Amino acid sequence: MITSRQVRAARALLNWTQERLAEEALVALTALKRLESERGLGVHEGTSDQVRRALEAAGILFIESGQGRGVMLLHETSGDRKRQDTARRARPSSRSV
């Protein structure tokens, strides 16, 4: 089971908003907010699974050991690389003519 802290940390690594994650996971924004709540508000197991799968598809690895739980970003998705490449090309050159 993933924790609220893991979900928030994963979103931070991906630089995703709650709205983006809810869209990617195909869950209601209110359900995602409940999942991320520090108060441990309950959500359906299916909601938690959909969020986990969306984050894993984006390159997040959920880690659990005897020392604690965490997340790791394994790789950038091809969509993220394309957006970064497009942003680089759109920037004006710093060279003077």
Protein backbone atom coordinates (compact mmCIF):
# COMPACT_ATOMS: atom_id res chain seq x y z
CA MET A 1 0.00 0.00 0.00
CA ILE A 2 1.39 3.42 -0.91
CA THR A 3 1.36 6.21 1.65
CA SER A 4 0.20 9.81 1.35
CA ARG A 5 3.81 10.97 1.77
CA GLN A 6 4.99 8.72 -1.04
CA VAL A 7 2.34 10.11 -3.39
CA ARG A 8 3.23 13.72 -2.55
CA ALA A 9 6.95 12.99 -2.92
CA ALA A 10 6.39 11.27 -6.26
CA ARG A 11 4.40 14.23 -7.55
CA ALA A 12 7.20 16.55 -6.45
CA LEU A 13 9.80 14.48 -8.33
CA LEU A 14 7.67 14.65 -11.46
CA ASN A 15 6.74 18.29 -10.90
CA TRP A 16 3.06 17.35 -11.29
CA THR A 17 0.11 19.15 -9.75
CA GLN A 18 -2.67 17.24 -8.04
CA GLU A 19 -4.83 18.02 -11.06
CA ARG A 20 -2.29 16.46 -13.42
CA LEU A 21 -1.95 13.30 -11.35
CA ALA A 22 -5.72 12.93 -11.01
CA GLU A 23 -6.01 13.25 -14.80
CA GLU A 24 -3.20 10.78 -15.50
CA ALA A 25 -4.60 8.27 -12.99
CA LEU A 26 -8.20 8.75 -14.13
CA VAL A 27 -9.39 9.44 -10.59
CA ALA A 28 -11.43 12.27 -9.10
CA LEU A 29 -9.41 15.16 -7.74
CA THR A 30 -11.25 14.90 -4.42
CA ALA A 31 -10.24 11.22 -4.15
CA LEU A 32 -6.60 12.12 -4.79
CA LYS A 33 -6.75 14.85 -2.15
CA ARG A 34 -8.12 12.29 0.33
CA LEU A 35 -5.31 9.88 -0.58
CA GLU A 36 -2.67 12.60 -0.03
CA SER A 37 -4.24 13.79 3.23
CA GLU A 38 -2.07 13.67 6.36
CA ARG A 39 -5.15 12.64 8.34
CA GLY A 40 -5.23 9.27 6.63
CA LEU A 41 -8.62 9.70 5.00
CA GLY A 42 -9.83 6.50 3.39
CA VAL A 43 -10.04 5.91 -0.34
CA HIS A 44 -11.06 2.89 -2.38
CA GLU A 45 -8.25 0.44 -2.98
CA GLY A 46 -8.85 0.83 -6.72
CA THR A 47 -8.16 4.57 -6.48
CA SER A 48 -4.87 3.95 -4.72
CA ASP A 49 -3.92 1.33 -7.33
CA GLN A 50 -4.72 3.66 -10.24
CA VAL A 51 -2.60 6.43 -8.71
CA ARG A 52 0.27 4.00 -8.09
CA ARG A 53 0.11 2.70 -11.68
CA ALA A 54 0.07 6.23 -13.15
CA LEU A 55 3.10 7.23 -11.10
CA GLU A 56 4.97 4.03 -11.96
CA ALA A 57 4.23 4.60 -15.67
CA ALA A 58 5.84 8.04 -15.29
CA GLY A 59 9.02 6.46 -13.90
CA ILE A 60 8.42 6.40 -10.15
CA LEU A 61 9.65 3.44 -8.11
CA PHE A 62 8.02 2.91 -4.71
CA ILE A 63 10.55 1.75 -2.12
CA GLU A 64 9.87 -0.06 1.15
CA SER A 65 12.48 -1.50 3.48
CA GLY A 66 13.01 -2.12 7.15
CA GLN A 67 14.32 1.45 7.41
CA GLY A 68 11.27 3.14 5.91
CA ARG A 69 9.42 3.98 2.72
CA GLY A 70 10.22 6.31 -0.13
CA VAL A 71 10.15 6.93 -3.86
CA MET A 72 12.72 7.21 -6.61
CA LEU A 73 12.52 8.63 -10.13
CA LEU A 74 13.95 5.96 -12.43
CA HIS A 75 13.80 7.75 -15.75
CA GLU A 76 12.14 10.53 -17.66
CA THR A 77 9.27 9.54 -19.89
CA SER A 78 9.60 10.19 -23.61
CA GLY A 79 6.81 12.78 -23.34
CA ASP A 80 8.81 14.73 -20.74
CA ARG A 81 11.90 14.68 -22.96
CA LYS A 82 9.91 15.92 -25.95
CA ARG A 83 8.49 18.83 -23.91
CA GLN A 84 11.98 19.74 -22.68
CA ASP A 85 13.41 19.59 -26.20
CA THR A 86 10.59 21.78 -27.50
CA ALA A 87 11.15 24.29 -24.70
CA ARG A 88 14.88 24.43 -25.48
CA ARG A 89 14.24 25.09 -29.17
CA ALA A 90 11.70 27.81 -28.34
CA ARG A 91 14.18 29.77 -26.19
CA PRO A 92 16.00 32.61 -27.95
CA SER A 93 19.69 32.08 -28.47
CA SER A 94 22.00 33.90 -26.06
CA ARG A 95 24.62 34.44 -28.77
CA SER A 96 24.94 37.92 -30.21
CA VAL A 97 25.19 38.43 -33.96
